[in-house]
Every structure is written in structure tokens, then in C-alpha cells.
Amino acid sequence: MVSNYLEASILALIQGFSEFIPVSSSAHLILVSKISSFNLGSLQLDICLHLGSLIAILFYFRKDIINLFQNRPLVVLLILGSVPLVLIGFIFHLSGFVNNFRSLEVISWTTLIFALVLYFADKQKIEKNLTNDLTIKNVLIIGFFQVLAIIPGVSRAGITITASRLLNFNRVDSSKIAFYLSIPALSGASVLGIKDLFEENIKFDLVFIFATFLSFVFSYLTIKYFLIFVKKFSLKFFVYYRIFLALILFYIIYF
């Protein structure tokens, strides 16, 4: 029982820390599952971890979300930006095709490639802002970039921030776009997970409530301090981290 709570704590930490920064939470969770002897991993736990992150983003941006609904054009744009991932993600979920990408080889290469893309995107000097410069054209571009996050290692937050920076949005607003678009993404993942869960035998366990709570706490703290970070620094730290992680994976795979 104690080991289950320890495993839930570690997985919640990974989910909460990596969901909202450009390092790929799915890649880290897959890595842990492949190199550890954890036996807690399950559909129910996965739902709980994503649910904790969803509650965190809704709670942190509760005032912004209320204000957003007073700006209907911006709400419509954010909904449009979510459509590509929701539709294509649903198709991939039904087909099970995405399971073909859940390998260390894919994770290692996507981790490296999209680190380099993020590096060049973050060098943009012209800075647009979310309130005045988000259009149908660029929100759809960001939305289609976000579809790449279906592949483990790409990072949904990372590719969304990358696309936003390529379109010359400043770092803070690029991060906010990624955060706002995470709401339908996490909601969709939770709904699909719950749908699958009802097709299995549902077993209530306090460890899953514990995992949801920890995922919420770690996600909330990550959102808070990541926004503070991007106000003062570039995204090079995350680029270097991804390159370092990719090199470790290459060593494990090829040597």
C-alpha cells in the first residue's frame, strides 16, 4: 500500500511538473513506466493525473477565464485553435494508431528535434500580444502545430509555445495561449479516458484521489513559477534539458 502511494506521488510529480512546460509529460511518464518496476499504472490513474492538471489550470486562471467570456471573439478563436487537436486526437484515439509512436526511439528523436525547433522559434524579436494580435489564421496555425503533440516527446505545451513564438507572440502570451488551449485538450483526454473506464471494471481506491490532489498541487506550482520564469528568461534552459535528455536516451538505445 505504501509503495502505491509512493508511485502515485512520483507520477503526479512528473505529470504536474511536465504538463505545462515544454518537455512533454507523456514522454516522461512513458519513460518512467519503461525503466521502472511500477505496477500502479492504469487507465484510472492516467485520468486522475490529467484531471488534477485540468483542475489546476482552471483554478489558477479562474479570473482570466471569467474575463475571457466577456471577450467573445477571443473565446471563439481559442475554441477554433482547439478543434484540430480534438478532432484528430479523437480519430487517433479510436484507431489506436498513436500507440505505434510510444517507443524510446520516437521519444528520443522528437525530444531532440523539437528542442532545436523551440530554440530557433524563441529567437524571434518582434513581439505580438494575445489581446490584440490573435487572429483566425494564426490560431489555426497554432492549433495544427498542437496536433503534433499526439506524438510522445513533442510536448503539447512545447509545440504550442513554439508555434506562438514563430508567429512572434511574446513569451508570456505564448505560454498563456498554451495554457488556455490545454483546457480543452485535458478535458478531451479526461472524457475519452472516462469513456474507456466505463468499459472496464471501475475500482474505487483512495490512492487515485491522492494522485489527483498531488497532480493538482504540482501542476498549480508549475504554472505559477513557469509564468514568472518566462517573464525574466528565455526558453534556452528547456532546450538544453531536452537535448541532454535526448542524448541520454540515445545512449540507452544505441550503445
C-alpha atoms as a PDB file:
ATOM      1  CA  MET A   1       0.000   0.000   0.000  1.00  0.00           C
ATOM      2  CA  VAL A   2       2.817   2.415   0.915  1.00  0.00           C
ATOM      3  CA  SER A   3       4.570   1.643  -2.371  1.00  0.00           C
ATOM      4  CA  ASN A   4       1.373   2.512  -4.271  1.00  0.00           C
ATOM      5  CA  TYR A   5       1.248   5.952  -2.666  1.00  0.00           C
ATOM      6  CA  LEU A   6       4.954   6.462  -3.396  1.00  0.00           C
ATOM      7  CA  GLU A   7       4.443   5.523  -7.036  1.00  0.00           C
ATOM      8  CA  ALA A   8       1.394   7.797  -7.282  1.00  0.00           C
ATOM      9  CA  SER A   9       3.449  10.644  -5.780  1.00  0.00           C
ATOM     10  CA  ILE A  10       6.259  10.217  -8.300  1.00  0.00           C
ATOM     11  CA  LEU A  11       3.892  10.001 -11.270  1.00  0.00           C
ATOM     12  CA  ALA A  12       1.881  13.003 -10.045  1.00  0.00           C
ATOM     13  CA  LEU A  13       5.103  14.993  -9.678  1.00  0.00           C
ATOM     14  CA  ILE A  14       6.131  14.123 -13.232  1.00  0.00           C
ATOM     15  CA  GLN A  15       2.681  14.933 -14.629  1.00  0.00           C
ATOM     16  CA  GLY A  16       2.316  18.185 -12.712  1.00  0.00           C
ATOM     17  CA  PHE A  17       5.823  19.399 -13.467  1.00  0.00           C
ATOM     18  CA  SER A  18       5.982  18.463 -17.151  1.00  0.00           C
ATOM     19  CA  GLU A  19       2.420  19.052 -18.427  1.00  0.00           C
ATOM     20  CA  PHE A  20       2.728  22.825 -18.676  1.00  0.00           C
ATOM     21  CA  ILE A  21       6.382  23.310 -19.623  1.00  0.00           C
ATOM     22  CA  PRO A  22       7.975  22.425 -22.986  1.00  0.00           C
ATOM     23  CA  VAL A  23       9.367  18.997 -22.051  1.00  0.00           C
ATOM     24  CA  SER A  24       6.481  16.506 -22.763  1.00  0.00           C
ATOM     25  CA  SER A  25       4.659  14.926 -19.843  1.00  0.00           C
ATOM     26  CA  SER A  26       3.657  11.852 -21.873  1.00  0.00           C
ATOM     27  CA  ALA A  27       7.287  11.186 -22.788  1.00  0.00           C
ATOM     28  CA  HIS A  28       8.384  11.345 -19.152  1.00  0.00           C
ATOM     29  CA  LEU A  29       5.530   9.133 -17.969  1.00  0.00           C
ATOM     30  CA  ILE A  30       6.298   6.568 -20.689  1.00  0.00           C
ATOM     31  CA  LEU A  31       9.988   6.657 -19.786  1.00  0.00           C
ATOM     32  CA  VAL A  32       9.256   6.030 -16.134  1.00  0.00           C
ATOM     33  CA  SER A  33       6.951   3.137 -16.998  1.00  0.00           C
ATOM     34  CA  LYS A  34       9.638   1.550 -19.195  1.00  0.00           C
ATOM     35  CA  ILE A  35      12.600   1.880 -16.828  1.00  0.00           C
ATOM     36  CA  SER A  36      10.835   1.261 -13.507  1.00  0.00           C
ATOM     37  CA  SER A  37       9.019  -1.634 -11.927  1.00  0.00           C
ATOM     38  CA  PHE A  38       5.933   0.435 -11.108  1.00  0.00           C
ATOM     39  CA  ASN A  39       2.778  -1.659 -11.051  1.00  0.00           C
ATOM     40  CA  LEU A  40       0.295   1.120 -10.335  1.00  0.00           C
ATOM     41  CA  GLY A  41      -0.001   2.427 -13.886  1.00  0.00           C
ATOM     42  CA  SER A  42      -3.571   2.182 -15.130  1.00  0.00           C
ATOM     43  CA  LEU A  43      -6.205   3.999 -17.138  1.00  0.00           C
ATOM     44  CA  GLN A  44      -7.800   5.251 -13.910  1.00  0.00           C
ATOM     45  CA  LEU A  45      -4.518   6.688 -12.655  1.00  0.00           C
ATOM     46  CA  ASP A  46      -3.866   8.364 -16.009  1.00  0.00           C
ATOM     47  CA  ILE A  47      -7.290  10.022 -15.842  1.00  0.00           C
ATOM     48  CA  CYS A  48      -6.636  11.187 -12.271  1.00  0.00           C
ATOM     49  CA  LEU A  49      -3.290  12.731 -13.207  1.00  0.00           C
ATOM     50  CA  HIS A  50      -4.791  14.642 -16.147  1.00  0.00           C
ATOM     51  CA  LEU A  51      -7.801  15.648 -14.074  1.00  0.00           C
ATOM     52  CA  GLY A  52      -5.524  17.121 -11.410  1.00  0.00           C
ATOM     53  CA  SER A  53      -3.745  19.200 -14.068  1.00  0.00           C
ATOM     54  CA  LEU A  54      -7.069  20.333 -15.533  1.00  0.00           C
ATOM     55  CA  ILE A  55      -8.376  21.479 -12.140  1.00  0.00           C
ATOM     56  CA  ALA A  56      -5.096  23.336 -11.544  1.00  0.00           C
ATOM     57  CA  ILE A  57      -5.286  25.283 -14.812  1.00  0.00           C
ATOM     58  CA  LEU A  58      -8.940  26.151 -14.223  1.00  0.00           C
ATOM     59  CA  PHE A  59      -8.238  27.261 -10.653  1.00  0.00           C
ATOM     60  CA  TYR A  60      -5.117  29.284 -11.478  1.00  0.00           C
ATOM     61  CA  PHE A  61      -6.746  31.137 -14.382  1.00  0.00           C
ATOM     62  CA  ARG A  62     -10.231  31.342 -12.867  1.00  0.00           C
ATOM     63  CA  LYS A  63     -10.320  35.156 -13.033  1.00  0.00           C
ATOM     64  CA  ASP A  64      -8.848  35.206 -16.544  1.00  0.00           C
ATOM     65  CA  ILE A  65     -11.404  32.637 -17.695  1.00  0.00           C
ATOM     66  CA  ILE A  66     -14.265  34.734 -16.329  1.00  0.00           C
ATOM     67  CA  ASN A  67     -12.831  37.787 -18.104  1.00  0.00           C
ATOM     68  CA  LEU A  68     -12.373  35.781 -21.286  1.00  0.00           C
ATOM     69  CA  PHE A  69     -16.090  35.196 -21.538  1.00  0.00           C
ATOM     70  CA  GLN A  70     -16.511  38.948 -21.695  1.00  0.00           C
ATOM     71  CA  ASN A  71     -14.311  38.886 -24.812  1.00  0.00           C
ATOM     72  CA  ARG A  72     -16.303  36.563 -27.046  1.00  0.00           C
ATOM     73  CA  PRO A  73     -14.115  36.967 -30.176  1.00  0.00           C
ATOM     74  CA  LEU A  74     -11.100  35.720 -28.199  1.00  0.00           C
ATOM     75  CA  VAL A  75     -13.091  32.784 -26.798  1.00  0.00           C
ATOM     76  CA  VAL A  76     -14.138  31.819 -30.341  1.00  0.00           C
ATOM     77  CA  LEU A  77     -10.516  31.991 -31.505  1.00  0.00           C
ATOM     78  CA  LEU A  78      -9.337  29.750 -28.664  1.00  0.00           C
ATOM     79  CA  ILE A  79     -12.111  27.262 -29.445  1.00  0.00           C
ATOM     80  CA  LEU A  80     -11.057  27.250 -33.108  1.00  0.00           C
ATOM     81  CA  GLY A  81      -7.458  26.655 -32.071  1.00  0.00           C
ATOM     82  CA  SER A  82      -8.548  23.583 -30.117  1.00  0.00           C
ATOM     83  CA  VAL A  83     -10.558  21.980 -32.924  1.00  0.00           C
ATOM     84  CA  PRO A  84      -7.644  20.354 -34.841  1.00  0.00           C
ATOM     85  CA  LEU A  85      -6.288  18.515 -31.785  1.00  0.00           C
ATOM     86  CA  VAL A  86      -9.738  17.485 -30.540  1.00  0.00           C
ATOM     87  CA  LEU A  87     -10.823  16.074 -33.920  1.00  0.00           C
ATOM     88  CA  ILE A  88      -7.571  14.459 -34.993  1.00  0.00           C
ATOM     89  CA  GLY A  89      -6.794  13.309 -31.458  1.00  0.00           C
ATOM     90  CA  PHE A  90     -10.204  11.612 -31.267  1.00  0.00           C
ATOM     91  CA  ILE A  91      -9.583   9.829 -34.572  1.00  0.00           C
ATOM     92  CA  PHE A  92      -6.148   8.668 -33.431  1.00  0.00           C
ATOM     93  CA  HIS A  93      -7.627   7.528 -30.121  1.00  0.00           C
ATOM     94  CA  LEU A  94     -10.267   5.409 -31.841  1.00  0.00           C
ATOM     95  CA  SER A  95      -7.789   3.885 -34.286  1.00  0.00           C
ATOM     96  CA  GLY A  96      -5.124   3.202 -31.656  1.00  0.00           C
ATOM     97  CA  PHE A  97      -2.568   4.346 -34.245  1.00  0.00           C
ATOM     98  CA  VAL A  98      -0.814   6.604 -31.744  1.00  0.00           C
ATOM     99  CA  ASN A  99       0.398   3.516 -29.851  1.00  0.00           C
ATOM    100  CA  ASN A 100       2.872   2.980 -32.694  1.00  0.00           C
ATOM    101  CA  PHE A 101       4.751   6.058 -31.521  1.00  0.00           C
ATOM    102  CA  ARG A 102       5.143   5.047 -27.875  1.00  0.00           C
ATOM    103  CA  SER A 103       8.751   3.869 -28.180  1.00  0.00           C
ATOM    104  CA  LEU A 104      12.024   5.170 -26.769  1.00  0.00           C
ATOM    105  CA  GLU A 105      13.359   5.710 -30.294  1.00  0.00           C
ATOM    106  CA  VAL A 106      10.489   8.024 -31.226  1.00  0.00           C
ATOM    107  CA  ILE A 107      10.664   9.861 -27.892  1.00  0.00           C
ATOM    108  CA  SER A 108      14.415  10.412 -28.179  1.00  0.00           C
ATOM    109  CA  TRP A 109      14.234  11.860 -31.697  1.00  0.00           C
ATOM    110  CA  THR A 110      11.178  14.045 -31.086  1.00  0.00           C
ATOM    111  CA  THR A 111      12.746  15.312 -27.865  1.00  0.00           C
ATOM    112  CA  LEU A 112      15.849  16.416 -29.781  1.00  0.00           C
ATOM    113  CA  ILE A 113      14.211  17.709 -32.967  1.00  0.00           C
ATOM    114  CA  PHE A 114      11.614  19.833 -31.227  1.00  0.00           C
ATOM    115  CA  ALA A 115      14.212  21.185 -28.802  1.00  0.00           C
ATOM    116  CA  LEU A 116      16.029  22.644 -31.821  1.00  0.00           C
ATOM    117  CA  VAL A 117      12.788  23.989 -33.298  1.00  0.00           C
ATOM    118  CA  LEU A 118      11.983  25.651 -29.955  1.00  0.00           C
ATOM    119  CA  TYR A 119      15.484  27.171 -29.847  1.00  0.00           C
ATOM    120  CA  PHE A 120      15.079  28.895 -33.213  1.00  0.00           C
ATOM    121  CA  ALA A 121      11.474  29.896 -32.519  1.00  0.00           C
ATOM    122  CA  ASP A 122      12.449  31.578 -29.263  1.00  0.00           C
ATOM    123  CA  LYS A 123      14.917  33.849 -31.068  1.00  0.00           C
ATOM    124  CA  GLN A 124      12.049  35.873 -32.570  1.00  0.00           C
ATOM    125  CA  LYS A 125      12.410  39.565 -31.735  1.00  0.00           C
ATOM    126  CA  ILE A 126       9.070  41.033 -32.863  1.00  0.00           C
ATOM    127  CA  GLU A 127       6.564  40.557 -30.066  1.00  0.00           C
ATOM    128  CA  LYS A 128       2.807  40.373 -30.574  1.00  0.00           C
ATOM    129  CA  ASN A 129       0.328  40.078 -27.733  1.00  0.00           C
ATOM    130  CA  LEU A 130      -2.619  37.796 -27.110  1.00  0.00           C
ATOM    131  CA  THR A 131      -5.259  40.500 -26.758  1.00  0.00           C
ATOM    132  CA  ASN A 132      -4.615  42.440 -29.970  1.00  0.00           C
ATOM    133  CA  ASP A 133      -2.855  40.118 -32.397  1.00  0.00           C
ATOM    134  CA  LEU A 134      -4.502  36.696 -32.212  1.00  0.00           C
ATOM    135  CA  THR A 135      -6.354  36.044 -35.494  1.00  0.00           C
ATOM    136  CA  ILE A 136      -8.202  33.139 -37.081  1.00  0.00           C
ATOM    137  CA  LYS A 137      -5.207  32.444 -39.305  1.00  0.00           C
ATOM    138  CA  ASN A 138      -2.550  32.274 -36.601  1.00  0.00           C
ATOM    139  CA  VAL A 139      -4.734  30.480 -34.044  1.00  0.00           C
ATOM    140  CA  LEU A 140      -5.413  27.737 -36.621  1.00  0.00           C
ATOM    141  CA  ILE A 141      -1.683  27.512 -37.373  1.00  0.00           C
ATOM    142  CA  ILE A 142      -1.040  27.082 -33.638  1.00  0.00           C
ATOM    143  CA  GLY A 143      -3.877  24.566 -33.446  1.00  0.00           C
ATOM    144  CA  PHE A 144      -2.464  22.401 -36.226  1.00  0.00           C
ATOM    145  CA  PHE A 145       1.004  22.570 -34.680  1.00  0.00           C
ATOM    146  CA  GLN A 146      -0.585  21.360 -31.437  1.00  0.00           C
ATOM    147  CA  VAL A 147      -1.739  18.178 -33.219  1.00  0.00           C
ATOM    148  CA  LEU A 148       1.917  17.086 -33.321  1.00  0.00           C
ATOM    149  CA  ALA A 149       1.698  16.691 -29.534  1.00  0.00           C
ATOM    150  CA  ILE A 150      -0.113  13.414 -30.134  1.00  0.00           C
ATOM    151  CA  ILE A 151       3.387  12.019 -30.679  1.00  0.00           C
ATOM    152  CA  PRO A 152       5.160  11.420 -27.323  1.00  0.00           C
ATOM    153  CA  GLY A 153       8.205  13.604 -26.851  1.00  0.00           C
ATOM    154  CA  VAL A 154       6.880  16.564 -28.828  1.00  0.00           C
ATOM    155  CA  SER A 155       5.213  18.240 -25.806  1.00  0.00           C
ATOM    156  CA  ARG A 156       1.816  19.890 -26.202  1.00  0.00           C
ATOM    157  CA  ALA A 157       2.908  22.964 -24.253  1.00  0.00           C
ATOM    158  CA  GLY A 158       6.238  22.990 -26.083  1.00  0.00           C
ATOM    159  CA  ILE A 159       4.861  22.832 -29.614  1.00  0.00           C
ATOM    160  CA  THR A 160       2.147  25.387 -28.823  1.00  0.00           C
ATOM    161  CA  ILE A 161       4.677  27.819 -27.366  1.00  0.00           C
ATOM    162  CA  THR A 162       6.984  27.125 -30.328  1.00  0.00           C
ATOM    163  CA  ALA A 163       4.244  27.893 -32.850  1.00  0.00           C
ATOM    164  CA  SER A 164       3.265  31.045 -30.969  1.00  0.00           C
ATOM    165  CA  ARG A 165       6.879  32.247 -30.842  1.00  0.00           C
ATOM    166  CA  LEU A 166       7.293  31.532 -34.576  1.00  0.00           C
ATOM    167  CA  LEU A 167       4.279  33.801 -35.067  1.00  0.00           C
ATOM    168  CA  ASN A 168       6.078  36.465 -32.993  1.00  0.00           C
ATOM    169  CA  PHE A 169       3.983  36.353 -29.817  1.00  0.00           C
ATOM    170  CA  ASN A 170       5.918  37.281 -26.690  1.00  0.00           C
ATOM    171  CA  ARG A 171       6.955  34.515 -24.291  1.00  0.00           C
ATOM    172  CA  VAL A 172       4.349  35.244 -21.619  1.00  0.00           C
ATOM    173  CA  ASP A 173       1.444  35.356 -24.055  1.00  0.00           C
ATOM    174  CA  SER A 174       2.800  32.319 -25.920  1.00  0.00           C
ATOM    175  CA  SER A 175       2.691  30.485 -22.603  1.00  0.00           C
ATOM    176  CA  LYS A 176      -0.821  31.746 -21.876  1.00  0.00           C
ATOM    177  CA  ILE A 177      -2.003  30.539 -25.299  1.00  0.00           C
ATOM    178  CA  ALA A 178      -0.549  27.128 -24.452  1.00  0.00           C
ATOM    179  CA  PHE A 179      -2.264  27.171 -21.050  1.00  0.00           C
ATOM    180  CA  TYR A 180      -5.653  28.207 -22.437  1.00  0.00           C
ATOM    181  CA  LEU A 181      -5.502  25.593 -25.195  1.00  0.00           C
ATOM    182  CA  SER A 182      -4.606  22.965 -22.598  1.00  0.00           C
ATOM    183  CA  ILE A 183      -8.116  23.239 -21.093  1.00  0.00           C
ATOM    184  CA  PRO A 184      -9.963  21.570 -23.990  1.00  0.00           C
ATOM    185  CA  ALA A 185      -7.012  19.231 -24.562  1.00  0.00           C
ATOM    186  CA  LEU A 186      -7.012  17.980 -20.964  1.00  0.00           C
ATOM    187  CA  SER A 187     -10.817  17.929 -20.906  1.00  0.00           C
ATOM    188  CA  GLY A 188     -10.877  15.811 -24.046  1.00  0.00           C
ATOM    189  CA  ALA A 189      -8.288  13.405 -22.673  1.00  0.00           C
ATOM    190  CA  SER A 190     -10.274  13.064 -19.441  1.00  0.00           C
ATOM    191  CA  VAL A 191     -13.584  12.486 -21.241  1.00  0.00           C
ATOM    192  CA  LEU A 192     -12.090   9.844 -23.537  1.00  0.00           C
ATOM    193  CA  GLY A 193     -10.418   8.195 -20.559  1.00  0.00           C
ATOM    194  CA  ILE A 194     -13.636   8.126 -18.545  1.00  0.00           C
ATOM    195  CA  LYS A 195     -15.448   6.649 -21.547  1.00  0.00           C
ATOM    196  CA  ASP A 196     -12.894   3.838 -21.721  1.00  0.00           C
ATOM    197  CA  LEU A 197     -13.012   3.430 -17.959  1.00  0.00           C
ATOM    198  CA  PHE A 198     -16.726   2.664 -18.017  1.00  0.00           C
ATOM    199  CA  GLU A 199     -15.969  -0.190 -20.374  1.00  0.00           C
ATOM    200  CA  GLU A 200     -13.805  -1.745 -17.658  1.00  0.00           C
ATOM    201  CA  ASN A 201     -14.433  -2.705 -14.053  1.00  0.00           C
ATOM    202  CA  ILE A 202     -14.184   0.502 -12.025  1.00  0.00           C
ATOM    203  CA  LYS A 203     -12.439   0.039  -8.713  1.00  0.00           C
ATOM    204  CA  PHE A 204     -12.519   2.880  -6.191  1.00  0.00           C
ATOM    205  CA  ASP A 205      -9.238   3.427  -4.377  1.00  0.00           C
ATOM    206  CA  LEU A 206      -8.071   6.302  -2.168  1.00  0.00           C
ATOM    207  CA  VAL A 207      -4.689   6.264  -3.884  1.00  0.00           C
ATOM    208  CA  PHE A 208      -6.305   7.733  -7.001  1.00  0.00           C
ATOM    209  CA  ILE A 209      -7.792  10.646  -5.030  1.00  0.00           C
ATOM    210  CA  PHE A 210      -4.328  11.155  -3.565  1.00  0.00           C
ATOM    211  CA  ALA A 211      -2.806  11.161  -7.081  1.00  0.00           C
ATOM    212  CA  THR A 212      -5.371  13.693  -8.326  1.00  0.00           C
ATOM    213  CA  PHE A 213      -4.657  16.027  -5.413  1.00  0.00           C
ATOM    214  CA  LEU A 214      -0.879  15.845  -5.855  1.00  0.00           C
ATOM    215  CA  SER A 215      -1.177  16.335  -9.602  1.00  0.00           C
ATOM    216  CA  PHE A 216      -3.247  19.450  -8.891  1.00  0.00           C
ATOM    217  CA  VAL A 217      -0.671  20.825  -6.422  1.00  0.00           C
ATOM    218  CA  PHE A 218       2.357  20.173  -8.641  1.00  0.00           C
ATOM    219  CA  SER A 219       0.551  21.478 -11.746  1.00  0.00           C
ATOM    220  CA  TYR A 220      -0.517  24.652  -9.956  1.00  0.00           C
ATOM    221  CA  LEU A 221       3.010  25.379  -8.719  1.00  0.00           C
ATOM    222  CA  THR A 222       4.467  24.721 -12.162  1.00  0.00           C
ATOM    223  CA  ILE A 223       2.037  27.120 -13.845  1.00  0.00           C
ATOM    224  CA  LYS A 224       2.764  29.829 -11.290  1.00  0.00           C
ATOM    225  CA  TYR A 225       6.546  29.650 -11.432  1.00  0.00           C
ATOM    226  CA  PHE A 226       6.802  28.985 -15.165  1.00  0.00           C
ATOM    227  CA  LEU A 227       4.989  32.269 -15.864  1.00  0.00           C
ATOM    228  CA  ILE A 228       7.415  34.039 -13.518  1.00  0.00           C
ATOM    229  CA  PHE A 229      10.322  32.346 -15.312  1.00  0.00           C
ATOM    230  CA  VAL A 230       9.307  33.340 -18.863  1.00  0.00           C
ATOM    231  CA  LYS A 231       8.907  36.976 -17.821  1.00  0.00           C
ATOM    232  CA  LYS A 232      12.619  37.102 -16.978  1.00  0.00           C
ATOM    233  CA  PHE A 233      14.375  34.458 -19.044  1.00  0.00           C
ATOM    234  CA  SER A 234      14.456  32.836 -22.470  1.00  0.00           C
ATOM    235  CA  LEU A 235      13.457  29.212 -23.067  1.00  0.00           C
ATOM    236  CA  LYS A 236      17.042  28.018 -23.586  1.00  0.00           C
ATOM    237  CA  PHE A 237      17.033  26.113 -20.288  1.00  0.00           C
ATOM    238  CA  PHE A 238      14.299  23.808 -21.604  1.00  0.00           C
ATOM    239  CA  VAL A 239      16.103  23.436 -24.927  1.00  0.00           C
ATOM    240  CA  TYR A 240      19.283  22.326 -23.127  1.00  0.00           C
ATOM    241  CA  TYR A 241      17.308  19.976 -20.891  1.00  0.00           C
ATOM    242  CA  ARG A 242      15.646  18.322 -23.887  1.00  0.00           C
ATOM    243  CA  ILE A 243      18.971  17.914 -25.680  1.00  0.00           C
ATOM    244  CA  PHE A 244      20.528  16.412 -22.541  1.00  0.00           C
ATOM    245  CA  LEU A 245      17.595  14.014 -22.142  1.00  0.00           C
ATOM    246  CA  ALA A 246      17.743  13.038 -25.828  1.00  0.00           C
ATOM    247  CA  LEU A 247      21.468  12.246 -25.556  1.00  0.00           C
ATOM    248  CA  ILE A 248      20.837  10.005 -22.541  1.00  0.00           C
ATOM    249  CA  LEU A 249      18.106   8.197 -24.470  1.00  0.00           C
ATOM    250  CA  PHE A 250      20.343   7.773 -27.493  1.00  0.00           C
ATOM    251  CA  TYR A 251      22.991   6.216 -25.268  1.00  0.00           C
ATOM    252  CA  ILE A 252      20.437   3.807 -23.750  1.00  0.00           C
ATOM    253  CA  ILE A 253      19.057   2.830 -27.165  1.00  0.00           C
ATOM    254  CA  TYR A 254      22.101   2.670 -29.400  1.00  0.00           C
ATOM    255  CA  PHE A 255      25.016   1.789 -27.118  1.00  0.00           C
END
